[in-house]
Amino acid sequence: MIAFLSTYLFSESTHLNDLWERKDDSTNQYWTLPYVPGKRLDGPAYVLTSKQTFSGAEEFSYNLKNLKRATIIGETTGGGAHPVSGHRIDDHFRIGVPFCPCHQPHLQDQLGRKPASSRT
């Protein structure tokens, strides 16, 4: 979904991010799509965020900000853009542990260290 929505904001193929899988030491690249139906936006883009902006919306905001394609307006986001795996601690509790760090190929930075709106 992130690649699909992002494609409306770029006129050419754009490398959005990479996900590195620890268990098999593989990297998956994510790019904008070659085609989306309808018109693409060629003007300025703005993304409104809040403390409830989380997960995929955090990644979307972070990608657009660091690719200099959108201005982020609003509160610091909640983060949570790493894929996580659930692990049972006992009968009542589970914990989500990130297993696949996201990397911005153009920044060589790891997603998740700071929420999107507070990153420089």
PDB file of N, CA and C in Angstrom:
ATOM      1  N   MET A   1       0.819  -1.195   0.000  1.00  0.00           N
ATOM      2  CA  MET A   1       0.000   0.000   0.000  1.00  0.00           C
ATOM      3  C   MET A   1       0.863   1.259   0.000  1.00  0.00           C
ATOM      4  N   ILE A   2       1.985   1.229   0.739  1.00  0.00           N
ATOM      5  CA  ILE A   2       2.861   2.406   0.810  1.00  0.00           C
ATOM      6  C   ILE A   2       3.435   2.710  -0.566  1.00  0.00           C
ATOM      7  N   ALA A   3       3.903   1.686  -1.273  1.00  0.00           N
ATOM      8  CA  ALA A   3       4.446   1.896  -2.616  1.00  0.00           C
ATOM      9  C   ALA A   3       3.351   2.409  -3.556  1.00  0.00           C
ATOM     10  N   PHE A   4       2.154   1.864  -3.444  1.00  0.00           N
ATOM     11  CA  PHE A   4       1.044   2.285  -4.300  1.00  0.00           C
ATOM     12  C   PHE A   4       0.735   3.768  -4.096  1.00  0.00           C
ATOM     13  N   LEU A   5       0.533   4.179  -2.863  1.00  0.00           N
ATOM     14  CA  LEU A   5       0.223   5.583  -2.585  1.00  0.00           C
ATOM     15  C   LEU A   5       1.388   6.505  -2.955  1.00  0.00           C
ATOM     16  N   SER A   6       2.596   6.059  -2.661  1.00  0.00           N
ATOM     17  CA  SER A   6       3.774   6.878  -2.965  1.00  0.00           C
ATOM     18  C   SER A   6       3.934   7.112  -4.463  1.00  0.00           C
ATOM     19  N   THR A   7       3.543   6.147  -5.264  1.00  0.00           N
ATOM     20  CA  THR A   7       3.693   6.260  -6.709  1.00  0.00           C
ATOM     21  C   THR A   7       2.950   7.472  -7.265  1.00  0.00           C
ATOM     22  N   TYR A   8       1.850   7.862  -6.638  1.00  0.00           N
ATOM     23  CA  TYR A   8       1.110   9.040  -7.091  1.00  0.00           C
ATOM     24  C   TYR A   8       1.894  10.339  -6.889  1.00  0.00           C
ATOM     25  N   LEU A   9       2.961  10.290  -6.101  1.00  0.00           N
ATOM     26  CA  LEU A   9       3.708  11.495  -5.770  1.00  0.00           C
ATOM     27  C   LEU A   9       5.063  11.594  -6.464  1.00  0.00           C
ATOM     28  N   PHE A  10       5.406  10.611  -7.292  1.00  0.00           N
ATOM     29  CA  PHE A  10       6.687  10.630  -8.012  1.00  0.00           C
ATOM     30  C   PHE A  10       6.446  10.415  -9.495  1.00  0.00           C
ATOM     31  N   SER A  11       7.155  11.159 -10.317  1.00  0.00           N
ATOM     32  CA  SER A  11       6.975  11.055 -11.766  1.00  0.00           C
ATOM     33  C   SER A  11       7.836   9.953 -12.380  1.00  0.00           C
ATOM     34  N   GLU A  12       8.865   9.503 -11.657  1.00  0.00           N
ATOM     35  CA  GLU A  12       9.716   8.432 -12.170  1.00  0.00           C
ATOM     36  C   GLU A  12       9.937   7.389 -11.082  1.00  0.00           C
ATOM     37  N   SER A  13      10.479   6.260 -11.502  1.00  0.00           N
ATOM     38  CA  SER A  13      10.738   5.173 -10.559  1.00  0.00           C
ATOM     39  C   SER A  13      11.632   5.670  -9.426  1.00  0.00           C
ATOM     40  N   THR A  14      11.203   5.411  -8.170  1.00  0.00           N
ATOM     41  CA  THR A  14      11.921   5.918  -7.001  1.00  0.00           C
ATOM     42  C   THR A  14      12.099   4.804  -5.969  1.00  0.00           C
ATOM     43  N   HIS A  15      13.315   4.651  -5.501  1.00  0.00           N
ATOM     44  CA  HIS A  15      13.646   3.656  -4.485  1.00  0.00           C
ATOM     45  C   HIS A  15      13.192   4.200  -3.132  1.00  0.00           C
ATOM     46  N   LEU A  16      12.204   3.567  -2.517  1.00  0.00           N
ATOM     47  CA  LEU A  16      11.626   4.045  -1.266  1.00  0.00           C
ATOM     48  C   LEU A  16      12.412   3.596  -0.042  1.00  0.00           C
ATOM     49  N   ASN A  17      12.643   2.296   0.077  1.00  0.00           N
ATOM     50  CA  ASN A  17      13.416   1.791   1.214  1.00  0.00           C
ATOM     51  C   ASN A  17      13.782   0.340   0.999  1.00  0.00           C
ATOM     52  N   ASP A  18      14.560  -0.186   1.932  1.00  0.00           N
ATOM     53  CA  ASP A  18      14.966  -1.590   1.929  1.00  0.00           C
ATOM     54  C   ASP A  18      14.582  -2.212   3.267  1.00  0.00           C
ATOM     55  N   LEU A  19      14.197  -3.472   3.238  1.00  0.00           N
ATOM     56  CA  LEU A  19      13.978  -4.247   4.461  1.00  0.00           C
ATOM     57  C   LEU A  19      15.004  -5.364   4.486  1.00  0.00           C
ATOM     58  N   TRP A  20      15.765  -5.424   5.568  1.00  0.00           N
ATOM     59  CA  TRP A  20      16.777  -6.461   5.722  1.00  0.00           C
ATOM     60  C   TRP A  20      16.270  -7.512   6.693  1.00  0.00           C
ATOM     61  N   GLU A  21      16.234  -8.766   6.246  1.00  0.00           N
ATOM     62  CA  GLU A  21      15.805  -9.896   7.083  1.00  0.00           C
ATOM     63  C   GLU A  21      17.019 -10.531   7.738  1.00  0.00           C
ATOM     64  N   ARG A  22      17.024 -10.507   9.058  1.00  0.00           N
ATOM     65  CA  ARG A  22      18.153 -11.078   9.797  1.00  0.00           C
ATOM     66  C   ARG A  22      18.298 -12.580   9.575  1.00  0.00           C
ATOM     67  N   LYS A  23      17.148 -13.298   9.621  1.00  0.00           N
ATOM     68  CA  LYS A  23      17.221 -14.767   9.637  1.00  0.00           C
ATOM     69  C   LYS A  23      17.891 -15.348   8.400  1.00  0.00           C
ATOM     70  N   ASP A  24      17.732 -14.723   7.241  1.00  0.00           N
ATOM     71  CA  ASP A  24      18.389 -15.256   6.049  1.00  0.00           C
ATOM     72  C   ASP A  24      19.305 -14.230   5.374  1.00  0.00           C
ATOM     73  N   ASP A  25      19.587 -13.135   6.066  1.00  0.00           N
ATOM     74  CA  ASP A  25      20.491 -12.091   5.580  1.00  0.00           C
ATOM     75  C   ASP A  25      20.138 -11.655   4.157  1.00  0.00           C
ATOM     76  N   SER A  26      18.847 -11.417   3.933  1.00  0.00           N
ATOM     77  CA  SER A  26      18.402 -10.973   2.612  1.00  0.00           C
ATOM     78  C   SER A  26      17.828  -9.558   2.712  1.00  0.00           C
ATOM     79  N   THR A  27      17.910  -8.843   1.623  1.00  0.00           N
ATOM     80  CA  THR A  27      17.384  -7.482   1.557  1.00  0.00           C
ATOM     81  C   THR A  27      16.337  -7.406   0.455  1.00  0.00           C
ATOM     82  N   ASN A  28      15.167  -6.882   0.781  1.00  0.00           N
ATOM     83  CA  ASN A  28      14.123  -6.627  -0.207  1.00  0.00           C
ATOM     84  C   ASN A  28      14.037  -5.130  -0.444  1.00  0.00           C
ATOM     85  N   GLN A  29      14.105  -4.744  -1.702  1.00  0.00           N
ATOM     86  CA  GLN A  29      13.985  -3.335  -2.056  1.00  0.00           C
ATOM     87  C   GLN A  29      12.528  -3.004  -2.373  1.00  0.00           C
ATOM     88  N   TYR A  30      12.110  -1.803  -1.978  1.00  0.00           N
ATOM     89  CA  TYR A  30      10.759  -1.330  -2.270  1.00  0.00           C
ATOM     90  C   TYR A  30      10.853  -0.052  -3.083  1.00  0.00           C
ATOM     91  N   TRP A  31      10.188  -0.065  -4.226  1.00  0.00           N
ATOM     92  CA  TRP A  31      10.211   1.029  -5.188  1.00  0.00           C
ATOM     93  C   TRP A  31       8.781   1.474  -5.483  1.00  0.00           C
ATOM     94  N   THR A  32       8.658   2.670  -6.031  1.00  0.00           N
ATOM     95  CA  THR A  32       7.354   3.074  -6.551  1.00  0.00           C
ATOM     96  C   THR A  32       6.995   2.128  -7.690  1.00  0.00           C
ATOM     97  N   LEU A  33       5.723   2.077  -8.019  1.00  0.00           N
ATOM     98  CA  LEU A  33       5.235   1.149  -9.035  1.00  0.00           C
ATOM     99  C   LEU A  33       5.346   1.753 -10.434  1.00  0.00           C
ATOM    100  N   PRO A  34       5.419   0.902 -11.449  1.00  0.00           N
ATOM    101  CA  PRO A  34       5.512   1.437 -12.816  1.00  0.00           C
ATOM    102  C   PRO A  34       4.207   2.081 -13.301  1.00  0.00           C
ATOM    103  N   TYR A  35       3.080   1.692 -12.695  1.00  0.00           N
ATOM    104  CA  TYR A  35       1.785   2.212 -13.146  1.00  0.00           C
ATOM    105  C   TYR A  35       0.829   2.326 -11.962  1.00  0.00           C
ATOM    106  N   VAL A  36       0.062   3.398 -11.944  1.00  0.00           N
ATOM    107  CA  VAL A  36      -1.096   3.532 -11.067  1.00  0.00           C
ATOM    108  C   VAL A  36      -2.203   4.186 -11.892  1.00  0.00           C
ATOM    109  N   PRO A  37      -3.453   3.835 -11.631  1.00  0.00           N
ATOM    110  CA  PRO A  37      -4.543   4.457 -12.374  1.00  0.00           C
ATOM    111  C   PRO A  37      -4.714   5.920 -11.961  1.00  0.00           C
ATOM    112  N   GLY A  38      -5.121   6.732 -12.895  1.00  0.00           N
ATOM    113  CA  GLY A  38      -5.383   8.137 -12.585  1.00  0.00           C
ATOM    114  C   GLY A  38      -4.153   9.009 -12.728  1.00  0.00           C
ATOM    115  N   LYS A  39      -4.310  10.273 -12.348  1.00  0.00           N
ATOM    116  CA  LYS A  39      -3.235  11.254 -12.476  1.00  0.00           C
ATOM    117  C   LYS A  39      -2.322  11.230 -11.254  1.00  0.00           C
ATOM    118  N   ARG A  40      -1.074  11.574 -11.492  1.00  0.00           N
ATOM    119  CA  ARG A  40      -0.102  11.737 -10.407  1.00  0.00           C
ATOM    120  C   ARG A  40      -0.042  13.205 -10.025  1.00  0.00           C
ATOM    121  N   LEU A  41       0.263  13.457  -8.764  1.00  0.00           N
ATOM    122  CA  LEU A  41       0.389  14.826  -8.269  1.00  0.00           C
ATOM    123  C   LEU A  41       1.776  15.340  -8.608  1.00  0.00           C
ATOM    124  N   ASP A  42       1.845  16.455  -9.335  1.00  0.00           N
ATOM    125  CA  ASP A  42       3.161  17.002  -9.667  1.00  0.00           C
ATOM    126  C   ASP A  42       3.473  18.276  -8.883  1.00  0.00           C
ATOM    127  N   GLY A  43       2.578  18.699  -8.031  1.00  0.00           N
ATOM    128  CA  GLY A  43       2.794  19.886  -7.208  1.00  0.00           C
ATOM    129  C   GLY A  43       3.258  19.519  -5.817  1.00  0.00           C
ATOM    130  N   PRO A  44       3.277  20.511  -4.920  1.00  0.00           N
ATOM    131  CA  PRO A  44       3.698  20.259  -3.542  1.00  0.00           C
ATOM    132  C   PRO A  44       2.780  19.237  -2.848  1.00  0.00           C
ATOM    133  N   ALA A  45       3.366  18.474  -1.940  1.00  0.00           N
ATOM    134  CA  ALA A  45       2.603  17.496  -1.152  1.00  0.00           C
ATOM    135  C   ALA A  45       2.831  17.771   0.325  1.00  0.00           C
ATOM    136  N   TYR A  46       1.785  17.595   1.105  1.00  0.00           N
ATOM    137  CA  TYR A  46       1.836  17.802   2.552  1.00  0.00           C
ATOM    138  C   TYR A  46       1.248  16.578   3.226  1.00  0.00           C
ATOM    139  N   VAL A  47       1.889  16.137   4.298  1.00  0.00           N
ATOM    140  CA  VAL A  47       1.394  14.998   5.066  1.00  0.00           C
ATOM    141  C   VAL A  47       1.124  15.483   6.484  1.00  0.00           C
ATOM    142  N   LEU A  48      -0.108  15.291   6.937  1.00  0.00           N
ATOM    143  CA  LEU A  48      -0.480  15.665   8.301  1.00  0.00           C
ATOM    144  C   LEU A  48      -0.249  14.472   9.219  1.00  0.00           C
ATOM    145  N   THR A  49       0.437  14.716  10.336  1.00  0.00           N
ATOM    146  CA  THR A  49       0.749  13.634  11.269  1.00  0.00           C
ATOM    147  C   THR A  49       0.261  13.968  12.673  1.00  0.00           C
ATOM    148  N   SER A  50       0.157  12.928  13.482  1.00  0.00           N
ATOM    149  CA  SER A  50      -0.169  13.096  14.898  1.00  0.00           C
ATOM    150  C   SER A  50       0.576  12.017  15.670  1.00  0.00           C
ATOM    151  N   LYS A  51       0.402  12.017  16.975  1.00  0.00           N
ATOM    152  CA  LYS A  51       1.039  10.975  17.786  1.00  0.00           C
ATOM    153  C   LYS A  51       0.441   9.603  17.489  1.00  0.00           C
ATOM    154  N   GLN A  52      -0.703   9.570  16.811  1.00  0.00           N
ATOM    155  CA  GLN A  52      -1.326   8.304  16.431  1.00  0.00           C
ATOM    156  C   GLN A  52      -0.906   7.835  15.040  1.00  0.00           C
ATOM    157  N   THR A  53      -0.068   8.605  14.349  1.00  0.00           N
ATOM    158  CA  THR A  53       0.483   8.164  13.067  1.00  0.00           C
ATOM    159  C   THR A  53       1.495   7.075  13.387  1.00  0.00           C
ATOM    160  N   PHE A  54       1.262   5.865  12.894  1.00  0.00           N
ATOM    161  CA  PHE A  54       2.030   4.708  13.346  1.00  0.00           C
ATOM    162  C   PHE A  54       2.169   3.710  12.209  1.00  0.00           C
ATOM    163  N   SER A  55       3.156   2.859  12.285  1.00  0.00           N
ATOM    164  CA  SER A  55       3.343   1.729  11.397  1.00  0.00           C
ATOM    165  C   SER A  55       3.515   2.186   9.947  1.00  0.00           C
ATOM    166  N   GLY A  56       2.643   1.740   9.052  1.00  0.00           N
ATOM    167  CA  GLY A  56       2.765   2.087   7.641  1.00  0.00           C
ATOM    168  C   GLY A  56       2.677   3.581   7.380  1.00  0.00           C
ATOM    169  N   ALA A  57       1.832   4.279   8.141  1.00  0.00           N
ATOM    170  CA  ALA A  57       1.714   5.732   7.972  1.00  0.00           C
ATOM    171  C   ALA A  57       2.999   6.434   8.398  1.00  0.00           C
ATOM    172  N   GLU A  58       3.682   5.902   9.404  1.00  0.00           N
ATOM    173  CA  GLU A  58       4.986   6.413   9.820  1.00  0.00           C
ATOM    174  C   GLU A  58       6.008   6.222   8.704  1.00  0.00           C
ATOM    175  N   GLU A  59       6.039   5.030   8.117  1.00  0.00           N
ATOM    176  CA  GLU A  59       6.982   4.761   7.027  1.00  0.00           C
ATOM    177  C   GLU A  59       6.699   5.668   5.833  1.00  0.00           C
ATOM    178  N   PHE A  60       5.433   5.801   5.464  1.00  0.00           N
ATOM    179  CA  PHE A  60       5.036   6.670   4.349  1.00  0.00           C
ATOM    180  C   PHE A  60       5.528   8.097   4.585  1.00  0.00           C
ATOM    181  N   SER A  61       5.286   8.627   5.777  1.00  0.00           N
ATOM    182  CA  SER A  61       5.712   9.992   6.118  1.00  0.00           C
ATOM    183  C   SER A  61       7.224  10.122   6.061  1.00  0.00           C
ATOM    184  N   TYR A  62       7.910   9.159   6.639  1.00  0.00           N
ATOM    185  CA  TYR A  62       9.373   9.177   6.687  1.00  0.00           C
ATOM    186  C   TYR A  62       9.973   9.127   5.282  1.00  0.00           C
ATOM    187  N   ASN A  63       9.449   8.235   4.440  1.00  0.00           N
ATOM    188  CA  ASN A  63       9.947   8.140   3.064  1.00  0.00           C
ATOM    189  C   ASN A  63       9.783   9.464   2.331  1.00  0.00           C
ATOM    190  N   LEU A  64       8.586  10.024   2.382  1.00  0.00           N
ATOM    191  CA  LEU A  64       8.322  11.250   1.626  1.00  0.00           C
ATOM    192  C   LEU A  64       9.149  12.425   2.135  1.00  0.00           C
ATOM    193  N   LYS A  65       9.323  12.499   3.443  1.00  0.00           N
ATOM    194  CA  LYS A  65      10.134  13.589   3.996  1.00  0.00           C
ATOM    195  C   LYS A  65      11.583  13.471   3.547  1.00  0.00           C
ATOM    196  N   ASN A  66      12.165  12.284   3.677  1.00  0.00           N
ATOM    197  CA  ASN A  66      13.576  12.115   3.370  1.00  0.00           C
ATOM    198  C   ASN A  66      13.882  12.062   1.883  1.00  0.00           C
ATOM    199  N   LEU A  67      12.884  11.795   1.076  1.00  0.00           N
ATOM    200  CA  LEU A  67      13.051  11.900  -0.375  1.00  0.00           C
ATOM    201  C   LEU A  67      12.732  13.318  -0.851  1.00  0.00           C
ATOM    202  N   LYS A  68      12.466  14.204   0.110  1.00  0.00           N
ATOM    203  CA  LYS A  68      12.166  15.617  -0.153  1.00  0.00           C
ATOM    204  C   LYS A  68      10.987  15.782  -1.109  1.00  0.00           C
ATOM    205  N   ARG A  69       9.980  14.915  -0.931  1.00  0.00           N
ATOM    206  CA  ARG A  69       8.792  14.981  -1.777  1.00  0.00           C
ATOM    207  C   ARG A  69       7.586  15.556  -1.044  1.00  0.00           C
ATOM    208  N   ALA A  70       7.642  15.637   0.293  1.00  0.00           N
ATOM    209  CA  ALA A  70       6.506  16.170   1.039  1.00  0.00           C
ATOM    210  C   ALA A  70       7.001  16.939   2.254  1.00  0.00           C
ATOM    211  N   THR A  71       6.174  17.876   2.660  1.00  0.00           N
ATOM    212  CA  THR A  71       6.394  18.588   3.914  1.00  0.00           C
ATOM    213  C   THR A  71       5.529  17.910   4.969  1.00  0.00           C
ATOM    214  N   ILE A  72       6.138  17.576   6.093  1.00  0.00           N
ATOM    215  CA  ILE A  72       5.409  16.930   7.185  1.00  0.00           C
ATOM    216  C   ILE A  72       4.923  18.015   8.136  1.00  0.00           C
ATOM    217  N   ILE A  73       3.632  17.994   8.446  1.00  0.00           N
ATOM    218  CA  ILE A  73       3.021  18.991   9.322  1.00  0.00           C
ATOM    219  C   ILE A  73       2.291  18.265  10.441  1.00  0.00           C
ATOM    220  N   GLY A  74       2.529  18.694  11.677  1.00  0.00           N
ATOM    221  CA  GLY A  74       1.781  18.115  12.789  1.00  0.00           C
ATOM    222  C   GLY A  74       2.670  17.661  13.915  1.00  0.00           C
ATOM    223  N   GLU A  75       2.131  16.723  14.686  1.00  0.00           N
ATOM    224  CA  GLU A  75       2.819  16.216  15.858  1.00  0.00           C
ATOM    225  C   GLU A  75       3.875  15.181  15.478  1.00  0.00           C
ATOM    226  N   THR A  76       4.750  14.904  16.421  1.00  0.00           N
ATOM    227  CA  THR A  76       5.695  13.809  16.268  1.00  0.00           C
ATOM    228  C   THR A  76       4.911  12.507  16.162  1.00  0.00           C
ATOM    229  N   THR A  77       5.292  11.681  15.193  1.00  0.00           N
ATOM    230  CA  THR A  77       4.569  10.435  14.963  1.00  0.00           C
ATOM    231  C   THR A  77       4.897   9.400  16.030  1.00  0.00           C
ATOM    232  N   GLY A  78       4.102   8.342  16.062  1.00  0.00           N
ATOM    233  CA  GLY A  78       4.287   7.290  17.058  1.00  0.00           C
ATOM    234  C   GLY A  78       5.373   6.295  16.715  1.00  0.00           C
ATOM    235  N   GLY A  79       5.897   6.326  15.492  1.00  0.00           N
ATOM    236  CA  GLY A  79       6.945   5.377  15.086  1.00  0.00           C
ATOM    237  C   GLY A  79       6.342   4.068  14.633  1.00  0.00           C
ATOM    238  N   GLY A  80       6.961   2.981  15.013  1.00  0.00           N
ATOM    239  CA  GLY A  80       6.414   1.653  14.759  1.00  0.00           C
ATOM    240  C   GLY A  80       6.514   1.161  13.333  1.00  0.00           C
ATOM    241  N   ALA A  81       7.482   1.622  12.564  1.00  0.00           N
ATOM    242  CA  ALA A  81       7.541   1.205  11.167  1.00  0.00           C
ATOM    243  C   ALA A  81       8.334  -0.075  10.935  1.00  0.00           C
ATOM    244  N   HIS A  82       8.980  -0.619  11.954  1.00  0.00           N
ATOM    245  CA  HIS A  82       9.661  -1.902  11.788  1.00  0.00           C
ATOM    246  C   HIS A  82       8.643  -3.036  11.785  1.00  0.00           C
ATOM    247  N   PRO A  83       8.794  -4.006  10.878  1.00  0.00           N
ATOM    248  CA  PRO A  83       7.968  -5.212  11.003  1.00  0.00           C
ATOM    249  C   PRO A  83       8.325  -5.914  12.319  1.00  0.00           C
ATOM    250  N   VAL A  84       7.324  -6.443  12.997  1.00  0.00           N
ATOM    251  CA  VAL A  84       7.576  -7.127  14.277  1.00  0.00           C
ATOM    252  C   VAL A  84       6.998  -8.535  14.246  1.00  0.00           C
ATOM    253  N   SER A  85       7.557  -9.362  15.100  1.00  0.00           N
ATOM    254  CA  SER A  85       7.072 -10.723  15.280  1.00  0.00           C
ATOM    255  C   SER A  85       6.596 -10.858  16.722  1.00  0.00           C
ATOM    256  N   GLY A  86       5.395 -11.424  16.913  1.00  0.00           N
ATOM    257  CA  GLY A  86       4.843 -11.588  18.249  1.00  0.00           C
ATOM    258  C   GLY A  86       5.406 -12.810  18.954  1.00  0.00           C
ATOM    259  N   HIS A  87       5.745 -12.638  20.218  1.00  0.00           N
ATOM    260  CA  HIS A  87       6.263 -13.741  21.031  1.00  0.00           C
ATOM    261  C   HIS A  87       5.508 -13.775  22.348  1.00  0.00           C
ATOM    262  N   ARG A  88       5.015 -14.948  22.707  1.00  0.00           N
ATOM    263  CA  ARG A  88       4.287 -15.106  23.953  1.00  0.00           C
ATOM    264  C   ARG A  88       5.269 -15.138  25.121  1.00  0.00           C
ATOM    265  N   ILE A  89       4.993 -14.297  26.130  1.00  0.00           N
ATOM    266  CA  ILE A  89       5.821 -14.280  27.337  1.00  0.00           C
ATOM    267  C   ILE A  89       5.249 -15.249  28.366  1.00  0.00           C
ATOM    268  N   ASP A  90       3.932 -15.197  28.550  1.00  0.00           N
ATOM    269  CA  ASP A  90       3.232 -16.142  29.433  1.00  0.00           C
ATOM    270  C   ASP A  90       1.791 -16.203  28.954  1.00  0.00           C
ATOM    271  N   ASP A  91       0.883 -16.696  29.784  1.00  0.00           N
ATOM    272  CA  ASP A  91      -0.515 -16.844  29.369  1.00  0.00           C
ATOM    273  C   ASP A  91      -1.234 -15.521  29.141  1.00  0.00           C
ATOM    274  N   HIS A  92      -0.680 -14.434  29.632  1.00  0.00           N
ATOM    275  CA  HIS A  92      -1.369 -13.154  29.565  1.00  0.00           C
ATOM    276  C   HIS A  92      -0.647 -12.078  28.748  1.00  0.00           C
ATOM    277  N   PHE A  93       0.600 -12.289  28.416  1.00  0.00           N
ATOM    278  CA  PHE A  93       1.372 -11.239  27.756  1.00  0.00           C
ATOM    279  C   PHE A  93       2.101 -11.761  26.523  1.00  0.00           C
ATOM    280  N   ARG A  94       2.141 -10.865  25.530  1.00  0.00           N
ATOM    281  CA  ARG A  94       2.934 -11.084  24.321  1.00  0.00           C
ATOM    282  C   ARG A  94       3.801  -9.852  24.119  1.00  0.00           C
ATOM    283  N   ILE A  95       4.900 -10.034  23.419  1.00  0.00           N
ATOM    284  CA  ILE A  95       5.777  -8.911  23.098  1.00  0.00           C
ATOM    285  C   ILE A  95       6.029  -8.917  21.596  1.00  0.00           C
ATOM    286  N   GLY A  96       6.068  -7.734  20.997  1.00  0.00           N
ATOM    287  CA  GLY A  96       6.405  -7.601  19.592  1.00  0.00           C
ATOM    288  C   GLY A  96       7.873  -7.222  19.462  1.00  0.00           C
ATOM    289  N   VAL A  97       8.637  -8.040  18.764  1.00  0.00           N
ATOM    290  CA  VAL A  97      10.075  -7.802  18.607  1.00  0.00           C
ATOM    291  C   VAL A  97      10.367  -7.513  17.141  1.00  0.00           C
ATOM    292  N   PRO A  98      10.977  -6.363  16.853  1.00  0.00           N
ATOM    293  CA  PRO A  98      11.338  -6.067  15.458  1.00  0.00           C
ATOM    294  C   PRO A  98      12.292  -7.134  14.919  1.00  0.00           C
ATOM    295  N   PHE A  99      12.032  -7.588  13.689  1.00  0.00           N
ATOM    296  CA  PHE A  99      12.883  -8.615  13.102  1.00  0.00           C
ATOM    297  C   PHE A  99      13.451  -8.209  11.756  1.00  0.00           C
ATOM    298  N   CYS A 100      13.070  -7.060  11.276  1.00  0.00           N
ATOM    299  CA  CYS A 100      13.437  -6.701   9.915  1.00  0.00           C
ATOM    300  C   CYS A 100      13.643  -5.191   9.824  1.00  0.00           C
ATOM    301  N   PRO A 101      14.844  -4.693  10.102  1.00  0.00           N
ATOM    302  CA  PRO A 101      15.070  -3.249  10.061  1.00  0.00           C
ATOM    303  C   PRO A 101      14.861  -2.675   8.664  1.00  0.00           C
ATOM    304  N   CYS A 102      14.314  -1.484   8.615  1.00  0.00           N
ATOM    305  CA  CYS A 102      14.130  -0.748   7.367  1.00  0.00           C
ATOM    306  C   CYS A 102      15.299   0.211   7.193  1.00  0.00           C
ATOM    307  N   HIS A 103      15.766   0.324   5.968  1.00  0.00           N
ATOM    308  CA  HIS A 103      16.868   1.235   5.675  1.00  0.00           C
ATOM    309  C   HIS A 103      16.484   2.140   4.526  1.00  0.00           C
ATOM    310  N   GLN A 104      16.851   3.394   4.643  1.00  0.00           N
ATOM    311  CA  GLN A 104      16.668   4.350   3.559  1.00  0.00           C
ATOM    312  C   GLN A 104      17.931   4.307   2.713  1.00  0.00           C
ATOM    313  N   PRO A 105      17.849   3.843   1.471  1.00  0.00           N
ATOM    314  CA  PRO A 105      19.059   3.666   0.670  1.00  0.00           C
ATOM    315  C   PRO A 105      19.812   4.972   0.414  1.00  0.00           C
ATOM    316  N   HIS A 106      19.100   6.061   0.332  1.00  0.00           N
ATOM    317  CA  HIS A 106      19.740   7.346   0.059  1.00  0.00           C
ATOM    318  C   HIS A 106      20.298   8.002   1.316  1.00  0.00           C
ATOM    319  N   LEU A 107      19.915   7.529   2.490  1.00  0.00           N
ATOM    320  CA  LEU A 107      20.401   8.106   3.747  1.00  0.00           C
ATOM    321  C   LEU A 107      21.324   7.169   4.503  1.00  0.00           C
ATOM    322  N   GLN A 108      21.244   5.870   4.196  1.00  0.00           N
ATOM    323  CA  GLN A 108      21.954   4.861   4.973  1.00  0.00           C
ATOM    324  C   GLN A 108      21.620   5.023   6.456  1.00  0.00           C
ATOM    325  N   ASP A 109      20.350   5.292   6.742  1.00  0.00           N
ATOM    326  CA  ASP A 109      19.872   5.482   8.103  1.00  0.00           C
ATOM    327  C   ASP A 109      18.856   4.386   8.401  1.00  0.00           C
ATOM    328  N   GLN A 110      18.708   4.034   9.643  1.00  0.00           N
ATOM    329  CA  GLN A 110      17.767   2.992  10.030  1.00  0.00           C
ATOM    330  C   GLN A 110      16.472   3.620  10.512  1.00  0.00           C
ATOM    331  N   LEU A 111      15.374   3.166   9.949  1.00  0.00           N
ATOM    332  CA  LEU A 111      14.060   3.655  10.319  1.00  0.00           C
ATOM    333  C   LEU A 111      13.720   3.213  11.734  1.00  0.00           C
ATOM    334  N   GLY A 112      13.097   4.082  12.480  1.00  0.00           N
ATOM    335  CA  GLY A 112      12.630   3.721  13.805  1.00  0.00           C
ATOM    336  C   GLY A 112      13.404   4.373  14.930  1.00  0.00           C
ATOM    337  N   ARG A 113      14.510   5.046  14.632  1.00  0.00           N
ATOM    338  CA  ARG A 113      15.283   5.663  15.712  1.00  0.00           C
ATOM    339  C   ARG A 113      14.562   6.875  16.272  1.00  0.00           C
ATOM    340  N   LYS A 114      13.944   7.661  15.411  1.00  0.00           N
ATOM    341  CA  LYS A 114      13.157   8.821  15.843  1.00  0.00           C
ATOM    342  C   LYS A 114      11.917   8.885  14.958  1.00  0.00           C
ATOM    343  N   PRO A 115      10.803   9.337  15.481  1.00  0.00           N
ATOM    344  CA  PRO A 115       9.607   9.482  14.653  1.00  0.00           C
ATOM    345  C   PRO A 115       9.806  10.505  13.536  1.00  0.00           C
ATOM    346  N   ALA A 116       9.018  10.392  12.475  1.00  0.00           N
ATOM    347  CA  ALA A 116       9.220  11.158  11.244  1.00  0.00           C
ATOM    348  C   ALA A 116       9.279  12.662  11.439  1.00  0.00           C
ATOM    349  N   SER A 117       8.358  13.215  12.184  1.00  0.00           N
ATOM    350  CA  SER A 117       8.318  14.677  12.254  1.00  0.00           C
ATOM    351  C   SER A 117       9.441  15.277  13.082  1.00  0.00           C
ATOM    352  N   SER A 118      10.178  14.463  13.828  1.00  0.00           N
ATOM    353  CA  SER A 118      11.284  15.013  14.613  1.00  0.00           C
ATOM    354  C   SER A 118      12.637  14.756  13.963  1.00  0.00           C
ATOM    355  N   ARG A 119      12.636  14.059  12.848  1.00  0.00           N
ATOM    356  CA  ARG A 119      13.895  13.774  12.156  1.00  0.00           C
ATOM    357  C   ARG A 119      14.327  14.982  11.343  1.00  0.00           C
ATOM    358  N   THR A 120      15.622  15.180  11.264  1.00  0.00           N
ATOM    359  CA  THR A 120      16.143  16.291  10.463  1.00  0.00           C
ATOM    360  C   THR A 120      16.811  15.763   9.222  1.00  0.00           C
TER     361      THR A 120
END
